[in-house]
PDB file of N, CA and C in Angstrom:
ATOM      1  N   UNK A   1      65.163  25.842-103.034  1.00  0.00           N
ATOM      2  CA  UNK A   1      64.571  25.280-102.227  1.00  0.00           C
ATOM      3  C   UNK A   1      64.357  25.280-101.195  1.00  0.00           C
ATOM      4  N   UNK A   2      63.768  24.607-100.369  1.00  0.00           N
ATOM      5  CA  UNK A   2      62.781  24.950 -99.712  1.00  0.00           C
ATOM      6  C   UNK A   2      63.651  24.248 -97.792  1.00  0.00           C
ATOM      7  N   UNK A   3      62.998  24.821 -97.018  1.00  0.00           N
ATOM      8  CA  UNK A   3      64.013  24.796 -95.786  1.00  0.00           C
ATOM      9  C   UNK A   3      63.489  23.689 -95.224  1.00  0.00           C
ATOM     10  N   UNK A   4      64.229  22.390 -94.693  1.00  0.00           N
ATOM     11  CA  UNK A   4      63.513  21.195 -93.912  1.00  0.00           C
ATOM     12  C   UNK A   4      63.939  21.422 -92.333  1.00  0.00           C
ATOM     13  N   UNK A   5      63.080  20.757 -91.811  1.00  0.00           N
ATOM     14  CA  UNK A   5      62.914  20.662 -90.174  1.00  0.00           C
ATOM     15  C   UNK A   5      62.840  19.114 -90.385  1.00  0.00           C
ATOM     16  N   UNK A   6      65.078  18.695 -90.043  1.00  0.00           N
ATOM     17  CA  UNK A   6      65.739  17.750 -90.537  1.00  0.00           C
ATOM     18  C   UNK A   6      65.382  16.736 -89.414  1.00  0.00           C
ATOM     19  N   UNK A   7      64.915  17.177 -88.304  1.00  0.00           N
ATOM     20  CA  UNK A   7      65.485  16.661 -86.890  1.00  0.00           C
ATOM     21  C   UNK A   7      63.964  15.861 -87.143  1.00  0.00           C
ATOM     22  N   UNK A   8      62.875  16.354 -87.784  1.00  0.00           N
ATOM     23  CA  UNK A   8      61.666  16.125 -87.433  1.00  0.00           C
ATOM     24  C   UNK A   8      61.380  14.922 -88.906  1.00  0.00           C
ATOM     25  N   UNK A   9      62.210  14.729 -89.551  1.00  0.00           N
ATOM     26  CA  UNK A   9      62.611  13.644 -91.019  1.00  0.00           C
ATOM     27  C   UNK A   9      63.079  12.721 -90.399  1.00  0.00           C
ATOM     28  N   UNK A  10      63.672  12.495 -89.585  1.00  0.00           N
ATOM     29  CA  UNK A  10      64.643  11.667 -88.446  1.00  0.00           C
ATOM     30  C   UNK A  10      63.932  10.540 -87.771  1.00  0.00           C
ATOM     31  N   UNK A  11      62.856  11.506 -86.758  1.00  0.00           N
ATOM     32  CA  UNK A  11      62.077  10.681 -86.268  1.00  0.00           C
ATOM     33  C   UNK A  11      61.120   9.725 -86.960  1.00  0.00           C
ATOM     34  N   UNK A  12      60.923   9.750 -88.141  1.00  0.00           N
ATOM     35  CA  UNK A  12      60.243   8.912 -88.808  1.00  0.00           C
ATOM     36  C   UNK A  12      61.004   7.734 -89.138  1.00  0.00           C
ATOM     37  N   UNK A  13      61.030   6.792 -88.621  1.00  0.00           N
ATOM     38  CA  UNK A  13      61.336   6.014 -88.844  1.00  0.00           C
ATOM     39  C   UNK A  13      61.635   5.612 -90.452  1.00  0.00           C
ATOM     40  N   UNK A  14      60.148   5.630 -91.221  1.00  0.00           N
ATOM     41  CA  UNK A  14      60.667   5.388 -92.356  1.00  0.00           C
ATOM     42  C   UNK A  14      61.744   5.606 -93.557  1.00  0.00           C
ATOM     43  N   UNK A  15      62.059   7.265 -92.894  1.00  0.00           N
ATOM     44  CA  UNK A  15      63.220   7.788 -93.708  1.00  0.00           C
ATOM     45  C   UNK A  15      64.152   8.062 -92.859  1.00  0.00           C
ATOM     46  N   UNK A  16      64.604   7.735 -91.503  1.00  0.00           N
ATOM     47  CA  UNK A  16      65.448   7.560 -90.622  1.00  0.00           C
ATOM     48  C   UNK A  16      67.043   7.532 -91.584  1.00  0.00           C
ATOM     49  N   UNK A  17      66.767   5.722 -91.164  1.00  0.00           N
ATOM     50  CA  UNK A  17      67.986   4.835 -91.857  1.00  0.00           C
ATOM     51  C   UNK A  17      68.952   5.669 -92.859  1.00  0.00           C
ATOM     52  N   UNK A  18      67.866   6.258 -93.901  1.00  0.00           N
ATOM     53  CA  UNK A  18      68.605   6.608 -95.010  1.00  0.00           C
ATOM     54  C   UNK A  18      69.036   7.583 -95.078  1.00  0.00           C
ATOM     55  N   UNK A  19      68.011   8.552 -95.065  1.00  0.00           N
ATOM     56  CA  UNK A  19      68.929   9.853 -94.598  1.00  0.00           C
ATOM     57  C   UNK A  19      69.847  10.875 -93.788  1.00  0.00           C
ATOM     58  N   UNK A  20      69.951   9.660 -92.367  1.00  0.00           N
ATOM     59  CA  UNK A  20      70.858  10.062 -91.812  1.00  0.00           C
ATOM     60  C   UNK A  20      72.091   9.573 -92.329  1.00  0.00           C
ATOM     61  N   UNK A  21      72.019   9.154 -93.187  1.00  0.00           N
ATOM     62  CA  UNK A  21      73.889   8.706 -93.944  1.00  0.00           C
ATOM     63  C   UNK A  21      73.736   9.963 -94.616  1.00  0.00           C
ATOM     64  N   UNK A  22      73.211  10.899 -94.966  1.00  0.00           N
ATOM     65  CA  UNK A  22      73.034  12.378 -96.192  1.00  0.00           C
ATOM     66  C   UNK A  22      73.769  13.112 -95.106  1.00  0.00           C
ATOM     67  N   UNK A  23      74.914  13.965 -95.480  1.00  0.00           N
ATOM     68  CA  UNK A  23      75.106  14.898 -94.581  1.00  0.00           C
ATOM     69  C   UNK A  23      74.048  16.284 -94.989  1.00  0.00           C
ATOM     70  N   UNK A  24      73.068  16.651 -94.791  1.00  0.00           N
ATOM     71  CA  UNK A  24      72.353  17.628 -95.670  1.00  0.00           C
ATOM     72  C   UNK A  24      72.769  18.918 -95.409  1.00  0.00           C
ATOM     73  N   UNK A  25      73.393  19.719 -93.967  1.00  0.00           N
ATOM     74  CA  UNK A  25      73.878  20.675 -93.906  1.00  0.00           C
ATOM     75  C   UNK A  25      74.654  20.884 -95.742  1.00  0.00           C
ATOM     76  N   UNK A  26      76.267  19.624 -95.412  1.00  0.00           N
ATOM     77  CA  UNK A  26      76.822  19.595 -96.660  1.00  0.00           C
ATOM     78  C   UNK A  26      76.025  19.898 -98.335  1.00  0.00           C
ATOM     79  N   UNK A  27      75.006  18.864 -97.751  1.00  0.00           N
ATOM     80  CA  UNK A  27      74.803  19.166 -99.331  1.00  0.00           C
ATOM     81  C   UNK A  27      73.922  20.584 -99.420  1.00  0.00           C
ATOM     82  N   UNK A  28      73.227  20.898 -98.903  1.00  0.00           N
ATOM     83  CA  UNK A  28      72.996  22.839 -99.077  1.00  0.00           C
ATOM     84  C   UNK A  28      74.080  23.521 -99.457  1.00  0.00           C
ATOM     85  N   UNK A  29      75.049  23.363 -98.399  1.00  0.00           N
ATOM     86  CA  UNK A  29      76.132  24.374 -98.937  1.00  0.00           C
ATOM     87  C   UNK A  29      76.618  23.985-100.259  1.00  0.00           C
ATOM     88  N   UNK A  30      76.860  22.910-100.358  1.00  0.00           N
ATOM     89  CA  UNK A  30      77.442  22.667-102.077  1.00  0.00           C
ATOM     90  C   UNK A  30      76.558  22.866-103.174  1.00  0.00           C
ATOM     91  N   UNK A  31      75.351  22.812-102.785  1.00  0.00           N
ATOM     92  CA  UNK A  31      74.035  23.396-103.722  1.00  0.00           C
ATOM     93  C   UNK A  31      74.275  25.072-104.081  1.00  0.00           C
ATOM     94  N   UNK A  32      74.543  25.663-102.246  1.00  0.00           N
ATOM     95  CA  UNK A  32      74.841  27.127-102.685  1.00  0.00           C
ATOM     96  C   UNK A  32      76.161  27.145-102.982  1.00  0.00           C
ATOM     97  N   UNK A  33      77.093  26.235-103.028  1.00  0.00           N
ATOM     98  CA  UNK A  33      78.769  27.065-103.769  1.00  0.00           C
ATOM     99  C   UNK A  33      78.173  26.813-105.188  1.00  0.00           C
ATOM    100  N   UNK A  34      77.629  25.909-105.414  1.00  0.00           N
ATOM    101  CA  UNK A  34      77.475  25.315-106.840  1.00  0.00           C
ATOM    102  C   UNK A  34      76.723  26.639-107.484  1.00  0.00           C
ATOM    103  N   UNK A  35      75.963  27.592-106.912  1.00  0.00           N
ATOM    104  CA  UNK A  35      74.797  28.606-107.219  1.00  0.00           C
ATOM    105  C   UNK A  35      75.966  29.731-107.547  1.00  0.00           C
ATOM    106  N   UNK A  36      76.889  29.726-106.510  1.00  0.00           N
ATOM    107  CA  UNK A  36      77.655  30.919-106.728  1.00  0.00           C
ATOM    108  C   UNK A  36      78.479  30.832-107.747  1.00  0.00           C
ATOM    109  N   UNK A  37      79.438  29.214-107.817  1.00  0.00           N
ATOM    110  CA  UNK A  37      80.112  29.127-109.011  1.00  0.00           C
ATOM    111  C   UNK A  37      79.786  29.567-110.427  1.00  0.00           C
ATOM    112  N   UNK A  38      78.028  29.108-110.530  1.00  0.00           N
ATOM    113  CA  UNK A  38      78.089  29.484-111.914  1.00  0.00           C
ATOM    114  C   UNK A  38      76.800  31.129-111.819  1.00  0.00           C
ATOM    115  N   UNK A  39      77.166  31.837-111.519  1.00  0.00           N
ATOM    116  CA  UNK A  39      76.502  33.189-111.143  1.00  0.00           C
ATOM    117  C   UNK A  39      74.853  32.801-111.040  1.00  0.00           C
ATOM    118  N   UNK A  40      74.384  32.119-109.748  1.00  0.00           N
ATOM    119  CA  UNK A  40      73.106  32.179-109.806  1.00  0.00           C
ATOM    120  C   UNK A  40      72.719  32.428-108.412  1.00  0.00           C
ATOM    121  N   UNK A  41      70.984  32.758-108.310  1.00  0.00           N
ATOM    122  CA  UNK A  41      70.843  33.153-107.037  1.00  0.00           C
ATOM    123  C   UNK A  41      70.016  31.796-106.631  1.00  0.00           C
ATOM    124  N   UNK A  42      70.852  31.635-105.217  1.00  0.00           N
ATOM    125  CA  UNK A  42      70.218  30.846-104.426  1.00  0.00           C
ATOM    126  C   UNK A  42      69.335  31.036-103.271  1.00  0.00           C
ATOM    127  N   UNK A  43      67.987  30.717-103.328  1.00  0.00           N
ATOM    128  CA  UNK A  43      67.099  31.334-102.964  1.00  0.00           C
ATOM    129  C   UNK A  43      66.086  29.812-101.791  1.00  0.00           C
ATOM    130  N   UNK A  44      66.454  30.304-100.177  1.00  0.00           N
ATOM    131  CA  UNK A  44      65.310  29.347 -99.927  1.00  0.00           C
ATOM    132  C   UNK A  44      63.937  29.603 -99.420  1.00  0.00           C
ATOM    133  N   UNK A  45      63.130  28.800 -99.273  1.00  0.00           N
ATOM    134  CA  UNK A  45      61.522  29.161 -99.266  1.00  0.00           C
ATOM    135  C   UNK A  45      61.601  28.323 -97.974  1.00  0.00           C
ATOM    136  N   UNK A  46      60.619  29.412 -96.946  1.00  0.00           N
ATOM    137  CA  UNK A  46      60.593  29.105 -95.466  1.00  0.00           C
ATOM    138  C   UNK A  46      59.729  28.119 -95.682  1.00  0.00           C
ATOM    139  N   UNK A  47      59.923  26.824 -94.458  1.00  0.00           N
ATOM    140  CA  UNK A  47      59.328  25.629 -94.228  1.00  0.00           C
ATOM    141  C   UNK A  47      57.666  25.886 -94.240  1.00  0.00           C
ATOM    142  N   UNK A  48      57.427  26.699 -93.685  1.00  0.00           N
ATOM    143  CA  UNK A  48      56.378  26.977 -93.228  1.00  0.00           C
ATOM    144  C   UNK A  48      55.244  27.525 -94.353  1.00  0.00           C
ATOM    145  N   UNK A  49      55.710  27.259 -95.561  1.00  0.00           N
ATOM    146  CA  UNK A  49      54.999  27.840 -96.532  1.00  0.00           C
ATOM    147  C   UNK A  49      54.165  26.674 -97.258  1.00  0.00           C
ATOM    148  N   UNK A  50      53.107  26.978 -97.301  1.00  0.00           N
ATOM    149  CA  UNK A  50      51.987  25.880 -97.953  1.00  0.00           C
ATOM    150  C   UNK A  50      52.403  25.094 -99.465  1.00  0.00           C
ATOM    151  N   UNK A  51      53.397  24.593 -99.402  1.00  0.00           N
ATOM    152  CA  UNK A  51      53.601  24.868-100.942  1.00  0.00           C
ATOM    153  C   UNK A  51      53.266  23.569-101.833  1.00  0.00           C
ATOM    154  N   UNK A  52      52.368  22.248-100.796  1.00  0.00           N
ATOM    155  CA  UNK A  52      51.492  21.550-101.281  1.00  0.00           C
ATOM    156  C   UNK A  52      50.619  21.191-101.186  1.00  0.00           C
ATOM    157  N   UNK A  53      49.604  22.335-100.359  1.00  0.00           N
ATOM    158  CA  UNK A  53      48.614  23.018-100.162  1.00  0.00           C
ATOM    159  C   UNK A  53      47.445  23.700-101.332  1.00  0.00           C
ATOM    160  N   UNK A  54      48.517  24.780-101.644  1.00  0.00           N
ATOM    161  CA  UNK A  54      47.953  25.695-102.822  1.00  0.00           C
ATOM    162  C   UNK A  54      48.397  25.014-104.311  1.00  0.00           C
ATOM    163  N   UNK A  55      47.300  25.596-104.840  1.00  0.00           N
ATOM    164  CA  UNK A  55      46.662  24.874-106.217  1.00  0.00           C
ATOM    165  C   UNK A  55      48.267  25.973-107.074  1.00  0.00           C
ATOM    166  N   UNK A  56      49.122  25.608-107.578  1.00  0.00           N
ATOM    167  CA  UNK A  56      49.955  26.036-109.003  1.00  0.00           C
ATOM    168  C   UNK A  56      49.341  26.812-109.410  1.00  0.00           C
ATOM    169  N   UNK A  57      47.842  25.952-110.162  1.00  0.00           N
ATOM    170  CA  UNK A  57      47.167  26.767-111.134  1.00  0.00           C
ATOM    171  C   UNK A  57      46.329  27.976-110.933  1.00  0.00           C
ATOM    172  N   UNK A  58      45.949  28.327-109.750  1.00  0.00           N
ATOM    173  CA  UNK A  58      44.724  29.287-109.115  1.00  0.00           C
ATOM    174  C   UNK A  58      45.071  29.434-107.767  1.00  0.00           C
ATOM    175  N   UNK A  59      45.891  29.234-106.906  1.00  0.00           N
ATOM    176  CA  UNK A  59      46.107  29.567-105.984  1.00  0.00           C
ATOM    177  C   UNK A  59      45.368  29.128-104.697  1.00  0.00           C
ATOM    178  N   UNK A  60      44.379  27.940-105.304  1.00  0.00           N
ATOM    179  CA  UNK A  60      43.879  27.983-104.091  1.00  0.00           C
ATOM    180  C   UNK A  60      43.938  27.328-102.835  1.00  0.00           C
ATOM    181  N   UNK A  61      43.566  28.078-101.428  1.00  0.00           N
ATOM    182  CA  UNK A  61      44.824  26.807-100.619  1.00  0.00           C
ATOM    183  C   UNK A  61      43.239  25.646 -99.785  1.00  0.00           C
ATOM    184  N   UNK A  62      44.370  24.361-100.127  1.00  0.00           N
ATOM    185  CA  UNK A  62      43.399  23.246 -99.803  1.00  0.00           C
ATOM    186  C   UNK A  62      43.943  22.901 -98.197  1.00  0.00           C
ATOM    187  N   UNK A  63      43.092  22.964 -97.824  1.00  0.00           N
ATOM    188  CA  UNK A  63      43.498  23.226 -96.458  1.00  0.00           C
ATOM    189  C   UNK A  63      43.494  20.883 -95.564  1.00  0.00           C
ATOM    190  N   UNK A  64      42.622  20.487 -96.327  1.00  0.00           N
ATOM    191  CA  UNK A  64      42.375  19.475 -95.889  1.00  0.00           C
ATOM    192  C   UNK A  64      43.318  18.307 -96.566  1.00  0.00           C
ATOM    193  N   UNK A  65      44.785  18.469 -96.946  1.00  0.00           N
ATOM    194  CA  UNK A  65      45.062  17.590 -97.846  1.00  0.00           C
ATOM    195  C   UNK A  65      45.604  16.675 -97.388  1.00  0.00           C
ATOM    196  N   UNK A  66      46.105  16.398 -95.836  1.00  0.00           N
ATOM    197  CA  UNK A  66      46.353  15.489 -95.208  1.00  0.00           C
ATOM    198  C   UNK A  66      47.788  14.474 -95.724  1.00  0.00           C
ATOM    199  N   UNK A  67      47.947  13.124 -95.898  1.00  0.00           N
ATOM    200  CA  UNK A  67      49.074  12.423 -96.103  1.00  0.00           C
ATOM    201  C   UNK A  67      48.617  12.249 -97.739  1.00  0.00           C
ATOM    202  N   UNK A  68      47.685  12.422 -98.569  1.00  0.00           N
ATOM    203  CA  UNK A  68      47.446  12.425 -99.884  1.00  0.00           C
ATOM    204  C   UNK A  68      48.652  13.051-101.301  1.00  0.00           C
ATOM    205  N   UNK A  69      48.663  11.683-101.493  1.00  0.00           N
ATOM    206  CA  UNK A  69      49.486  11.880-102.581  1.00  0.00           C
ATOM    207  C   UNK A  69      49.628  12.852-103.955  1.00  0.00           C
ATOM    208  N   UNK A  70      47.894  12.358-104.301  1.00  0.00           N
ATOM    209  CA  UNK A  70      47.291  13.606-105.081  1.00  0.00           C
ATOM    210  C   UNK A  70      46.060  14.037-104.743  1.00  0.00           C
ATOM    211  N   UNK A  71      45.740  15.119-105.158  1.00  0.00           N
ATOM    212  CA  UNK A  71      44.775  16.022-105.432  1.00  0.00           C
ATOM    213  C   UNK A  71      44.094  16.963-106.187  1.00  0.00           C
ATOM    214  N   UNK A  72      42.769  16.773-106.415  1.00  0.00           N
ATOM    215  CA  UNK A  72      41.787  17.447-107.508  1.00  0.00           C
ATOM    216  C   UNK A  72      41.645  19.119-106.850  1.00  0.00           C
ATOM    217  N   UNK A  73      41.604  20.327-107.370  1.00  0.00           N
ATOM    218  CA  UNK A  73      41.715  21.248-106.697  1.00  0.00           C
ATOM    219  C   UNK A  73      40.099  21.731-106.816  1.00  0.00           C
ATOM    220  N   UNK A  74      39.469  21.572-105.985  1.00  0.00           N
ATOM    221  CA  UNK A  74      37.895  22.300-106.375  1.00  0.00           C
ATOM    222  C   UNK A  74      37.342  23.264-106.675  1.00  0.00           C
ATOM    223  N   UNK A  75      38.416  24.190-106.569  1.00  0.00           N
ATOM    224  CA  UNK A  75      38.054  25.668-107.642  1.00  0.00           C
ATOM    225  C   UNK A  75      38.330  25.645-108.921  1.00  0.00           C
ATOM    226  N   UNK A  76      38.965  25.250-109.335  1.00  0.00           N
ATOM    227  CA  UNK A  76      39.869  25.262-110.778  1.00  0.00           C
ATOM    228  C   UNK A  76      39.884  23.470-111.567  1.00  0.00           C
ATOM    229  N   UNK A  77      39.426  22.506-110.658  1.00  0.00           N
ATOM    230  CA  UNK A  77      39.729  21.619-111.375  1.00  0.00           C
ATOM    231  C   UNK A  77      41.072  20.818-111.608  1.00  0.00           C
ATOM    232  N   UNK A  78      41.967  20.915-111.448  1.00  0.00           N
ATOM    233  CA  UNK A  78      43.477  20.842-111.820  1.00  0.00           C
ATOM    234  C   UNK A  78      43.863  20.103-110.804  1.00  0.00           C
ATOM    235  N   UNK A  79      44.555  18.132-111.609  1.00  0.00           N
ATOM    236  CA  UNK A  79      44.685  17.491-110.909  1.00  0.00           C
ATOM    237  C   UNK A  79      46.060  17.331-110.196  1.00  0.00           C
ATOM    238  N   UNK A  80      46.680  17.707-109.261  1.00  0.00           N
ATOM    239  CA  UNK A  80      47.890  17.251-109.105  1.00  0.00           C
ATOM    240  C   UNK A  80      48.478  16.374-108.316  1.00  0.00           C
ATOM    241  N   UNK A  81      49.565  16.073-108.817  1.00  0.00           N
ATOM    242  CA  UNK A  81      50.606  15.125-107.605  1.00  0.00           C
ATOM    243  C   UNK A  81      51.130  16.069-106.548  1.00  0.00           C
ATOM    244  N   UNK A  82      51.634  15.870-105.522  1.00  0.00           N
ATOM    245  CA  UNK A  82      51.762  16.706-104.232  1.00  0.00           C
ATOM    246  C   UNK A  82      53.233  17.167-104.822  1.00  0.00           C
ATOM    247  N   UNK A  83      53.904  16.294-104.414  1.00  0.00           N
ATOM    248  CA  UNK A  83      55.610  16.982-105.059  1.00  0.00           C
ATOM    249  C   UNK A  83      55.585  17.659-106.535  1.00  0.00           C
ATOM    250  N   UNK A  84      55.000  17.556-107.435  1.00  0.00           N
ATOM    251  CA  UNK A  84      55.290  18.402-108.609  1.00  0.00           C
ATOM    252  C   UNK A  84      54.166  19.797-108.055  1.00  0.00           C
ATOM    253  N   UNK A  85      53.090  19.822-107.363  1.00  0.00           N
ATOM    254  CA  UNK A  85      52.471  20.886-107.280  1.00  0.00           C
ATOM    255  C   UNK A  85      53.981  21.647-106.163  1.00  0.00           C
ATOM    256  N   UNK A  86      53.901  21.267-104.808  1.00  0.00           N
ATOM    257  CA  UNK A  86      55.555  21.970-104.321  1.00  0.00           C
ATOM    258  C   UNK A  86      56.595  22.401-105.179  1.00  0.00           C
ATOM    259  N   UNK A  87      56.747  21.398-105.995  1.00  0.00           N
ATOM    260  CA  UNK A  87      58.230  22.383-106.393  1.00  0.00           C
ATOM    261  C   UNK A  87      57.453  23.425-107.750  1.00  0.00           C
ATOM    262  N   UNK A  88      56.556  23.625-108.162  1.00  0.00           N
ATOM    263  CA  UNK A  88      56.098  24.578-109.298  1.00  0.00           C
ATOM    264  C   UNK A  88      55.417  25.737-108.390  1.00  0.00           C
ATOM    265  N   UNK A  89      55.203  25.818-106.978  1.00  0.00           N
ATOM    266  CA  UNK A  89      54.705  26.542-105.868  1.00  0.00           C
ATOM    267  C   UNK A  89      56.235  27.026-105.153  1.00  0.00           C
ATOM    268  N   UNK A  90      57.189  26.039-105.038  1.00  0.00           N
ATOM    269  CA  UNK A  90      58.699  26.294-104.305  1.00  0.00           C
ATOM    270  C   UNK A  90      59.142  27.436-105.777  1.00  0.00           C
ATOM    271  N   UNK A  91      58.986  27.201-107.085  1.00  0.00           N
ATOM    272  CA  UNK A  91      59.469  27.978-107.927  1.00  0.00           C
ATOM    273  C   UNK A  91      59.106  29.403-107.877  1.00  0.00           C
ATOM    274  N   UNK A  92      57.892  29.548-108.289  1.00  0.00           N
ATOM    275  CA  UNK A  92      56.967  30.587-107.642  1.00  0.00           C
ATOM    276  C   UNK A  92      57.031  31.197-106.673  1.00  0.00           C
ATOM    277  N   UNK A  93      57.602  30.953-105.852  1.00  0.00           N
ATOM    278  CA  UNK A  93      57.893  31.849-104.593  1.00  0.00           C
ATOM    279  C   UNK A  93      59.024  32.127-104.370  1.00  0.00           C
ATOM    280  N   UNK A  94      60.016  31.762-105.034  1.00  0.00           N
ATOM    281  CA  UNK A  94      61.626  32.199-105.311  1.00  0.00           C
ATOM    282  C   UNK A  94      61.871  32.930-106.020  1.00  0.00           C
ATOM    283  N   UNK A  95      60.960  32.798-107.101  1.00  0.00           N
ATOM    284  CA  UNK A  95      61.111  33.800-108.100  1.00  0.00           C
ATOM    285  C   UNK A  95      60.171  35.476-107.619  1.00  0.00           C
ATOM    286  N   UNK A  96      59.267  35.218-106.681  1.00  0.00           N
ATOM    287  CA  UNK A  96      58.553  36.430-106.340  1.00  0.00           C
ATOM    288  C   UNK A  96      59.524  37.001-105.088  1.00  0.00           C
ATOM    289  N   UNK A  97      60.507  36.025-104.345  1.00  0.00           N
ATOM    290  CA  UNK A  97      61.665  36.498-103.475  1.00  0.00           C
ATOM    291  C   UNK A  97      62.481  36.972-104.480  1.00  0.00           C
ATOM    292  N   UNK A  98      62.979  36.852-105.567  1.00  0.00           N
ATOM    293  CA  UNK A  98      64.359  37.231-106.413  1.00  0.00           C
ATOM    294  C   UNK A  98      63.436  38.330-106.623  1.00  0.00           C
ATOM    295  N   UNK A  99      62.199  38.773-107.202  1.00  0.00           N
ATOM    296  CA  UNK A  99      61.977  39.754-107.488  1.00  0.00           C
ATOM    297  C   UNK A  99      61.707  41.038-106.949  1.00  0.00           C
ATOM    298  N   UNK A 100      61.008  40.510-105.606  1.00  0.00           N
ATOM    299  CA  UNK A 100      60.655  41.590-104.327  1.00  0.00           C
ATOM    300  C   UNK A 100      62.515  42.343-104.035  1.00  0.00           C
ATOM    301  N   UNK A 101      63.544  41.404-104.073  1.00  0.00           N
ATOM    302  CA  UNK A 101      64.508  41.601-103.723  1.00  0.00           C
ATOM    303  C   UNK A 101      65.441  42.502-104.497  1.00  0.00           C
ATOM    304  N   UNK A 102      65.306  42.301-105.785  1.00  0.00           N
ATOM    305  CA  UNK A 102      65.959  43.417-107.110  1.00  0.00           C
ATOM    306  C   UNK A 102      65.300  44.703-106.848  1.00  0.00           C
ATOM    307  N   UNK A 103      64.523  44.141-106.498  1.00  0.00           N
ATOM    308  CA  UNK A 103      63.819  45.947-106.498  1.00  0.00           C
ATOM    309  C   UNK A 103      63.653  46.844-105.482  1.00  0.00           C
ATOM    310  N   UNK A 104      63.516  46.001-104.420  1.00  0.00           N
ATOM    311  CA  UNK A 104      64.743  46.622-103.261  1.00  0.00           C
ATOM    312  C   UNK A 104      65.615  47.510-103.223  1.00  0.00           C
ATOM    313  N   UNK A 105      66.452  46.352-104.605  1.00  0.00           N
ATOM    314  CA  UNK A 105      68.117  47.025-104.088  1.00  0.00           C
ATOM    315  C   UNK A 105      67.967  48.065-105.653  1.00  0.00           C
ATOM    316  N   UNK A 106      66.601  48.094-106.493  1.00  0.00           N
ATOM    317  CA  UNK A 106      67.164  49.316-107.566  1.00  0.00           C
ATOM    318  C   UNK A 106      66.330  50.731-106.587  1.00  0.00           C
ATOM    319  N   UNK A 107      65.690  50.366-105.505  1.00  0.00           N
ATOM    320  CA  UNK A 107      65.164  51.413-104.833  1.00  0.00           C
ATOM    321  C   UNK A 107      66.055  51.974-104.201  1.00  0.00           C
ATOM    322  N   UNK A 108      67.199  51.225-103.440  1.00  0.00           N
ATOM    323  CA  UNK A 108      68.383  51.753-103.019  1.00  0.00           C
ATOM    324  C   UNK A 108      69.259  52.300-103.722  1.00  0.00           C
ATOM    325  N   UNK A 109      69.039  51.901-104.778  1.00  0.00           N
ATOM    326  CA  UNK A 109      70.585  52.809-105.443  1.00  0.00           C
ATOM    327  C   UNK A 109      69.860  54.252-106.326  1.00  0.00           C
ATOM    328  N   UNK A 110      68.438  54.303-106.378  1.00  0.00           N
ATOM    329  CA  UNK A 110      67.959  55.736-106.699  1.00  0.00           C
ATOM    330  C   UNK A 110      68.336  55.456-108.382  1.00  0.00           C
ATOM    331  N   UNK A 111      68.045  53.975-108.784  1.00  0.00           N
ATOM    332  CA  UNK A 111      68.200  54.241-110.308  1.00  0.00           C
ATOM    333  C   UNK A 111      66.883  53.890-111.170  1.00  0.00           C
ATOM    334  N   UNK A 112      66.565  54.044-112.116  1.00  0.00           N
ATOM    335  CA  UNK A 112      65.033  53.508-113.045  1.00  0.00           C
ATOM    336  C   UNK A 112      65.444  52.784-114.070  1.00  0.00           C
ATOM    337  N   UNK A 113      66.584  51.619-113.796  1.00  0.00           N
ATOM    338  CA  UNK A 113      66.690  50.464-114.800  1.00  0.00           C
ATOM    339  C   UNK A 113      65.812  49.495-114.686  1.00  0.00           C
ATOM    340  N   UNK A 114      65.652  49.094-115.528  1.00  0.00           N
ATOM    341  CA  UNK A 114      64.257  47.944-116.230  1.00  0.00           C
ATOM    342  C   UNK A 114      65.279  46.384-115.993  1.00  0.00           C
ATOM    343  N   UNK A 115      65.133  45.862-114.982  1.00  0.00           N
ATOM    344  CA  UNK A 115      66.165  44.766-115.378  1.00  0.00           C
ATOM    345  C   UNK A 115      64.890  43.069-115.866  1.00  0.00           C
ATOM    346  N   UNK A 116      65.222  42.537-117.011  1.00  0.00           N
ATOM    347  CA  UNK A 116      64.221  41.727-117.581  1.00  0.00           C
ATOM    348  C   UNK A 116      64.852  40.356-117.230  1.00  0.00           C
ATOM    349  N   UNK A 117      64.050  39.698-116.009  1.00  0.00           N
ATOM    350  CA  UNK A 117      64.230  37.776-115.681  1.00  0.00           C
ATOM    351  C   UNK A 117      63.854  37.505-116.668  1.00  0.00           C
ATOM    352  N   UNK A 118      64.892  35.817-116.587  1.00  0.00           N
ATOM    353  CA  UNK A 118      64.216  34.758-117.275  1.00  0.00           C
ATOM    354  C   UNK A 118      64.825  33.684-116.600  1.00  0.00           C
ATOM    355  N   UNK A 119      64.580  32.966-117.183  1.00  0.00           N
ATOM    356  CA  UNK A 119      64.746  31.570-116.383  1.00  0.00           C
ATOM    357  C   UNK A 119      64.374  30.177-117.329  1.00  0.00           C
ATOM    358  N   UNK A 120      65.252  28.946-116.935  1.00  0.00           N
ATOM    359  CA  UNK A 120      64.980  27.760-118.276  1.00  0.00           C
ATOM    360  C   UNK A 120      63.526  27.156-117.477  1.00  0.00           C
ATOM    361  N   UNK A 121      62.935  26.675-118.187  1.00  0.00           N
ATOM    362  CA  UNK A 121      62.065  25.671-118.065  1.00  0.00           C
ATOM    363  C   UNK A 121      62.216  24.362-116.730  1.00  0.00           C
ATOM    364  N   UNK A 122      61.657  24.037-116.017  1.00  0.00           N
ATOM    365  CA  UNK A 122      62.046  22.723-115.081  1.00  0.00           C
ATOM    366  C   UNK A 122      60.805  21.536-115.839  1.00  0.00           C
ATOM    367  N   UNK A 123      60.294  22.037-116.508  1.00  0.00           N
ATOM    368  CA  UNK A 123      59.161  20.784-116.861  1.00  0.00           C
ATOM    369  C   UNK A 123      59.529  20.038-117.796  1.00  0.00           C
ATOM    370  N   UNK A 124      58.901  18.737-117.471  1.00  0.00           N
ATOM    371  CA  UNK A 124      59.577  17.882-118.492  1.00  0.00           C
ATOM    372  C   UNK A 124      59.076  18.558-119.896  1.00  0.00           C
TER     373      UNK A 124
END
């Protein structure tokens, strides 16, 4: 999950009335609780991670994204929906964080155990 600046979102009048009825912190807490309940790891990605601006296919950084909802990567020509591209990048970043944390823990244990990671696809 990506951390969000909720105060900034509420300042946008288009979203504020519908989002103010949502207890955002409670939602995040419930998702964390459910992850713990089912033995899953909950990871939040820093809100400054450029999830929308990075091409999920080749990693190209598209700095001129502005308010575009769709864009085509000038490097690999992959066409992206901004939100779907961001979701793919958030998933990749979360997996990288999980792998980094796992290997740090292995080093601290002094163990040479190999860990196999698997996840279910979230693609339609």
